[in-house]
Amino acid sequence: MAAMIKRRHLLALAVALTAAPFAFAQSRPSVQVEQAWARATAGQMRTGAAYMTLVNTGTEPDRLIAVATPAADKAELHTHVMEGDVMRMRALTAVEVNPGSPSVLKPGGLHVMLMGLKAPLKAGDSFALALTFEKAGRIETTVKVGAAGASGPGASDGHGAHQHKGHGS
């Protein structure tokens, strides 16, 4: 009788463990990293920044809480804020990623600050970046390096990826 009860408990535990990942996956937000890019750095600059768009296709809000890359000694979440007439950078503890509202990391706003670059960022190169979210967990992405003056992903002319129709270029 004790053996039968033990088998029932083991069977119930096995069923619960098998179903748990499916229940967790359905409630966990799905975050996608789109168009991760950085600007090339000049000379031996030891700092840089990475930009991207974070899209939450789930139903619950999430938060980007950490970033890391082998390309730099340290990576942090930062934003720019106006203090009087001066624009300053501030470290952040998290970036909100809400369903239906992409979080855009771009020059002059939210960004990943790269400190202690191990090598200059050169146009055409790429590097790995790990993003850790409260609910979605760790997501690995590849950051493509554009021109030094690029204003968007895929830009090679220092003006972003847009066209200059009617401007003589």
C-alpha atoms as a PDB file:
ATOM      1  CA  MET A   1       0.000   0.000   0.000  1.00  0.00           C
ATOM      2  CA  ALA A   2       2.828   2.435   0.883  1.00  0.00           C
ATOM      3  CA  ALA A   3       4.536   1.664  -2.414  1.00  0.00           C
ATOM      4  CA  MET A   4       1.331   2.458  -4.333  1.00  0.00           C
ATOM      5  CA  ILE A   5       0.922   5.793  -2.525  1.00  0.00           C
ATOM      6  CA  LYS A   6       4.571   6.618  -3.212  1.00  0.00           C
ATOM      7  CA  ARG A   7       4.060   5.851  -6.929  1.00  0.00           C
ATOM      8  CA  ARG A   8       0.982   8.106  -7.044  1.00  0.00           C
ATOM      9  CA  HIS A   9       2.934  10.945  -5.440  1.00  0.00           C
ATOM     10  CA  LEU A  10       5.791  10.471  -7.881  1.00  0.00           C
ATOM     11  CA  LEU A  11       3.377  10.382 -10.805  1.00  0.00           C
ATOM     12  CA  ALA A  12       1.650  13.570  -9.599  1.00  0.00           C
ATOM     13  CA  LEU A  13       5.026  15.255  -9.164  1.00  0.00           C
ATOM     14  CA  ALA A  14       6.102  14.203 -12.670  1.00  0.00           C
ATOM     15  CA  VAL A  15       2.871  15.587 -14.185  1.00  0.00           C
ATOM     16  CA  ALA A  16       3.278  18.862 -12.277  1.00  0.00           C
ATOM     17  CA  LEU A  17       6.899  19.249 -13.361  1.00  0.00           C
ATOM     18  CA  THR A  18       6.014  18.501 -16.966  1.00  0.00           C
ATOM     19  CA  ALA A  19       3.194  21.074 -17.033  1.00  0.00           C
ATOM     20  CA  ALA A  20       5.069  23.800 -15.119  1.00  0.00           C
ATOM     21  CA  PRO A  21       7.283  24.991 -18.009  1.00  0.00           C
ATOM     22  CA  PHE A  22       4.235  25.406 -20.260  1.00  0.00           C
ATOM     23  CA  ALA A  23       2.342  27.455 -17.661  1.00  0.00           C
ATOM     24  CA  PHE A  24       5.426  29.596 -17.042  1.00  0.00           C
ATOM     25  CA  ALA A  25       6.051  30.160 -20.756  1.00  0.00           C
ATOM     26  CA  GLN A  26       2.458  31.308 -21.318  1.00  0.00           C
ATOM     27  CA  SER A  27       2.571  33.941 -18.542  1.00  0.00           C
ATOM     28  CA  ARG A  28       6.098  35.193 -19.242  1.00  0.00           C
ATOM     29  CA  PRO A  29       6.357  38.278 -21.454  1.00  0.00           C
ATOM     30  CA  SER A  30       8.118  37.876 -24.745  1.00  0.00           C
ATOM     31  CA  VAL A  31      10.688  40.608 -25.403  1.00  0.00           C
ATOM     32  CA  GLN A  32      12.358  41.010 -28.765  1.00  0.00           C
ATOM     33  CA  VAL A  33      15.498  43.030 -29.403  1.00  0.00           C
ATOM     34  CA  GLU A  34      15.422  44.799 -32.771  1.00  0.00           C
ATOM     35  CA  GLN A  35      18.050  46.757 -34.697  1.00  0.00           C
ATOM     36  CA  ALA A  36      20.833  46.742 -32.106  1.00  0.00           C
ATOM     37  CA  TRP A  37      23.549  49.138 -33.249  1.00  0.00           C
ATOM     38  CA  ALA A  38      26.423  51.323 -32.078  1.00  0.00           C
ATOM     39  CA  ARG A  39      28.504  54.128 -33.510  1.00  0.00           C
ATOM     40  CA  ALA A  40      32.142  53.589 -34.400  1.00  0.00           C
ATOM     41  CA  THR A  41      34.496  55.202 -31.886  1.00  0.00           C
ATOM     42  CA  ALA A  42      37.358  57.517 -32.763  1.00  0.00           C
ATOM     43  CA  GLY A  43      40.956  56.606 -31.982  1.00  0.00           C
ATOM     44  CA  GLN A  44      41.464  55.070 -28.580  1.00  0.00           C
ATOM     45  CA  MET A  45      38.166  56.246 -27.027  1.00  0.00           C
ATOM     46  CA  ARG A  46      37.353  54.024 -24.078  1.00  0.00           C
ATOM     47  CA  THR A  47      33.608  54.715 -24.064  1.00  0.00           C
ATOM     48  CA  GLY A  48      30.817  54.033 -26.500  1.00  0.00           C
ATOM     49  CA  ALA A  49      27.080  53.420 -26.568  1.00  0.00           C
ATOM     50  CA  ALA A  50      24.673  50.850 -27.941  1.00  0.00           C
ATOM     51  CA  TYR A  51      21.128  51.481 -29.097  1.00  0.00           C
ATOM     52  CA  MET A  52      18.158  49.276 -29.999  1.00  0.00           C
ATOM     53  CA  THR A  53      14.404  48.876 -29.886  1.00  0.00           C
ATOM     54  CA  LEU A  54      12.847  46.566 -27.284  1.00  0.00           C
ATOM     55  CA  VAL A  55       9.434  45.146 -28.174  1.00  0.00           C
ATOM     56  CA  ASN A  56       7.297  43.358 -25.599  1.00  0.00           C
ATOM     57  CA  THR A  57       4.888  41.054 -27.450  1.00  0.00           C
ATOM     58  CA  GLY A  58       3.545  39.594 -24.203  1.00  0.00           C
ATOM     59  CA  THR A  59       0.699  40.804 -22.045  1.00  0.00           C
ATOM     60  CA  GLU A  60       2.649  41.852 -18.940  1.00  0.00           C
ATOM     61  CA  PRO A  61       5.126  44.714 -18.493  1.00  0.00           C
ATOM     62  CA  ASP A  62       8.785  43.796 -18.099  1.00  0.00           C
ATOM     63  CA  ARG A  63      11.939  45.692 -17.191  1.00  0.00           C
ATOM     64  CA  LEU A  64      15.452  45.577 -18.610  1.00  0.00           C
ATOM     65  CA  ILE A  65      17.570  45.406 -15.441  1.00  0.00           C
ATOM     66  CA  ALA A  66      21.115  44.588 -16.575  1.00  0.00           C
ATOM     67  CA  VAL A  67      23.406  44.607 -19.612  1.00  0.00           C
ATOM     68  CA  ALA A  68      26.797  43.019 -20.215  1.00  0.00           C
ATOM     69  CA  THR A  69      29.239  42.649 -23.093  1.00  0.00           C
ATOM     70  CA  PRO A  70      32.700  41.165 -23.570  1.00  0.00           C
ATOM     71  CA  ALA A  71      33.514  44.297 -25.648  1.00  0.00           C
ATOM     72  CA  ALA A  72      33.782  46.514 -22.532  1.00  0.00           C
ATOM     73  CA  ASP A  73      34.766  46.309 -18.887  1.00  0.00           C
ATOM     74  CA  LYS A  74      31.367  47.644 -17.871  1.00  0.00           C
ATOM     75  CA  ALA A  75      27.968  48.246 -19.454  1.00  0.00           C
ATOM     76  CA  GLU A  76      25.198  50.302 -17.838  1.00  0.00           C
ATOM     77  CA  LEU A  77      21.749  51.587 -18.678  1.00  0.00           C
ATOM     78  CA  HIS A  78      21.798  55.380 -19.082  1.00  0.00           C
ATOM     79  CA  THR A  79      19.588  58.265 -20.145  1.00  0.00           C
ATOM     80  CA  HIS A  80      20.090  61.949 -20.904  1.00  0.00           C
ATOM     81  CA  VAL A  81      18.350  64.592 -18.788  1.00  0.00           C
ATOM     82  CA  MET A  82      18.301  68.376 -19.012  1.00  0.00           C
ATOM     83  CA  GLU A  83      19.530  70.164 -15.892  1.00  0.00           C
ATOM     84  CA  GLY A  84      19.008  73.843 -16.539  1.00  0.00           C
ATOM     85  CA  ASP A  85      20.710  74.456 -19.875  1.00  0.00           C
ATOM     86  CA  VAL A  86      23.001  71.424 -19.607  1.00  0.00           C
ATOM     87  CA  MET A  87      22.330  67.928 -20.941  1.00  0.00           C
ATOM     88  CA  ARG A  88      23.699  65.278 -18.541  1.00  0.00           C
ATOM     89  CA  MET A  89      23.850  61.492 -18.541  1.00  0.00           C
ATOM     90  CA  ARG A  90      22.347  59.554 -15.663  1.00  0.00           C
ATOM     91  CA  ALA A  91      22.634  55.845 -14.841  1.00  0.00           C
ATOM     92  CA  LEU A  92      19.339  53.966 -14.579  1.00  0.00           C
ATOM     93  CA  THR A  93      18.470  50.866 -12.588  1.00  0.00           C
ATOM     94  CA  ALA A  94      15.977  49.657 -15.221  1.00  0.00           C
ATOM     95  CA  VAL A  95      14.228  50.422 -18.499  1.00  0.00           C
ATOM     96  CA  GLU A  96      10.494  49.738 -18.669  1.00  0.00           C
ATOM     97  CA  VAL A  97       9.347  47.546 -21.584  1.00  0.00           C
ATOM     98  CA  ASN A  98       5.562  47.651 -21.845  1.00  0.00           C
ATOM     99  CA  PRO A  99       3.346  45.620 -24.188  1.00  0.00           C
ATOM    100  CA  GLY A 100       2.249  47.581 -27.248  1.00  0.00           C
ATOM    101  CA  SER A 101       4.758  50.409 -26.665  1.00  0.00           C
ATOM    102  CA  PRO A 102       8.310  49.763 -27.914  1.00  0.00           C
ATOM    103  CA  SER A 103      11.146  51.074 -25.755  1.00  0.00           C
ATOM    104  CA  VAL A 104      13.559  52.848 -28.075  1.00  0.00           C
ATOM    105  CA  LEU A 105      17.178  53.301 -27.004  1.00  0.00           C
ATOM    106  CA  LYS A 106      18.660  56.031 -29.218  1.00  0.00           C
ATOM    107  CA  PRO A 107      21.241  58.819 -29.244  1.00  0.00           C
ATOM    108  CA  GLY A 108      20.238  61.632 -26.907  1.00  0.00           C
ATOM    109  CA  GLY A 109      17.932  59.366 -24.870  1.00  0.00           C
ATOM    110  CA  LEU A 110      17.991  55.924 -23.317  1.00  0.00           C
ATOM    111  CA  HIS A 111      21.103  53.928 -24.222  1.00  0.00           C
ATOM    112  CA  VAL A 112      23.562  51.272 -23.097  1.00  0.00           C
ATOM    113  CA  MET A 113      26.748  52.998 -21.971  1.00  0.00           C
ATOM    114  CA  LEU A 114      29.910  51.003 -22.701  1.00  0.00           C
ATOM    115  CA  MET A 115      32.842  51.873 -20.429  1.00  0.00           C
ATOM    116  CA  GLY A 116      36.361  50.569 -20.702  1.00  0.00           C
ATOM    117  CA  LEU A 117      36.115  49.419 -24.313  1.00  0.00           C
ATOM    118  CA  LYS A 118      38.619  46.631 -24.909  1.00  0.00           C
ATOM    119  CA  ALA A 119      39.114  47.756 -28.529  1.00  0.00           C
ATOM    120  CA  PRO A 120      37.769  50.604 -30.651  1.00  0.00           C
ATOM    121  CA  LEU A 121      34.356  50.044 -32.205  1.00  0.00           C
ATOM    122  CA  LYS A 122      34.940  49.962 -35.965  1.00  0.00           C
ATOM    123  CA  ALA A 123      32.268  50.440 -38.629  1.00  0.00           C
ATOM    124  CA  GLY A 124      31.281  47.079 -40.080  1.00  0.00           C
ATOM    125  CA  ASP A 125      32.216  45.134 -36.934  1.00  0.00           C
ATOM    126  CA  SER A 126      29.789  43.695 -34.395  1.00  0.00           C
ATOM    127  CA  PHE A 127      29.850  42.572 -30.771  1.00  0.00           C
ATOM    128  CA  ALA A 128      27.745  40.483 -28.397  1.00  0.00           C
ATOM    129  CA  LEU A 129      25.445  42.087 -25.854  1.00  0.00           C
ATOM    130  CA  ALA A 130      23.486  40.276 -23.144  1.00  0.00           C
ATOM    131  CA  LEU A 131      20.321  41.909 -21.808  1.00  0.00           C
ATOM    132  CA  THR A 132      18.694  40.675 -18.604  1.00  0.00           C
ATOM    133  CA  PHE A 133      14.989  41.275 -18.035  1.00  0.00           C
ATOM    134  CA  GLU A 134      13.063  40.766 -14.787  1.00  0.00           C
ATOM    135  CA  LYS A 135      10.600  38.331 -16.382  1.00  0.00           C
ATOM    136  CA  ALA A 136      11.918  37.404 -19.828  1.00  0.00           C
ATOM    137  CA  GLY A 137      15.358  36.524 -18.437  1.00  0.00           C
ATOM    138  CA  ARG A 138      18.577  36.819 -20.393  1.00  0.00           C
ATOM    139  CA  ILE A 139      18.483  37.613 -24.112  1.00  0.00           C
ATOM    140  CA  GLU A 140      21.647  37.608 -26.237  1.00  0.00           C
ATOM    141  CA  THR A 141      21.890  39.910 -29.239  1.00  0.00           C
ATOM    142  CA  THR A 142      24.488  41.128 -31.702  1.00  0.00           C
ATOM    143  CA  VAL A 143      25.216  44.836 -31.975  1.00  0.00           C
ATOM    144  CA  LYS A 144      26.285  46.045 -35.428  1.00  0.00           C
ATOM    145  CA  VAL A 145      28.708  48.970 -35.524  1.00  0.00           C
ATOM    146  CA  GLY A 146      27.872  51.786 -37.941  1.00  0.00           C
ATOM    147  CA  ALA A 147      29.723  54.954 -38.914  1.00  0.00           C
ATOM    148  CA  ALA A 148      31.031  57.323 -36.243  1.00  0.00           C
ATOM    149  CA  GLY A 149      28.286  59.886 -36.897  1.00  0.00           C
ATOM    150  CA  ALA A 150      25.455  57.427 -37.587  1.00  0.00           C
ATOM    151  CA  SER A 151      22.032  58.401 -36.297  1.00  0.00           C
ATOM    152  CA  GLY A 152      20.381  55.019 -36.777  1.00  0.00           C
ATOM    153  CA  PRO A 153      20.937  51.338 -37.493  1.00  0.00           C
ATOM    154  CA  GLY A 154      22.414  50.482 -40.857  1.00  0.00           C
ATOM    155  CA  ALA A 155      23.686  54.007 -41.398  1.00  0.00           C
ATOM    156  CA  SER A 156      27.029  54.307 -43.115  1.00  0.00           C
ATOM    157  CA  ASP A 157      26.958  57.979 -44.040  1.00  0.00           C
ATOM    158  CA  GLY A 158      26.612  59.535 -40.610  1.00  0.00           C
ATOM    159  CA  HIS A 159      23.003  60.565 -41.324  1.00  0.00           C
ATOM    160  CA  GLY A 160      21.029  57.462 -40.419  1.00  0.00           C
ATOM    161  CA  ALA A 161      19.236  55.105 -42.752  1.00  0.00           C
ATOM    162  CA  HIS A 162      16.943  57.673 -44.378  1.00  0.00           C
ATOM    163  CA  GLN A 163      17.000  58.944 -47.949  1.00  0.00           C
ATOM    164  CA  HIS A 164      17.830  62.520 -48.953  1.00  0.00           C
ATOM    165  CA  LYS A 165      15.422  62.859 -51.870  1.00  0.00           C
ATOM    166  CA  GLY A 166      15.345  66.351 -53.263  1.00  0.00           C
ATOM    167  CA  HIS A 167      18.402  67.460 -51.268  1.00  0.00           C
ATOM    168  CA  GLY A 168      20.971  66.872 -53.968  1.00  0.00           C
ATOM    169  CA  SER A 169      22.476  63.777 -52.382  1.00  0.00           C
END
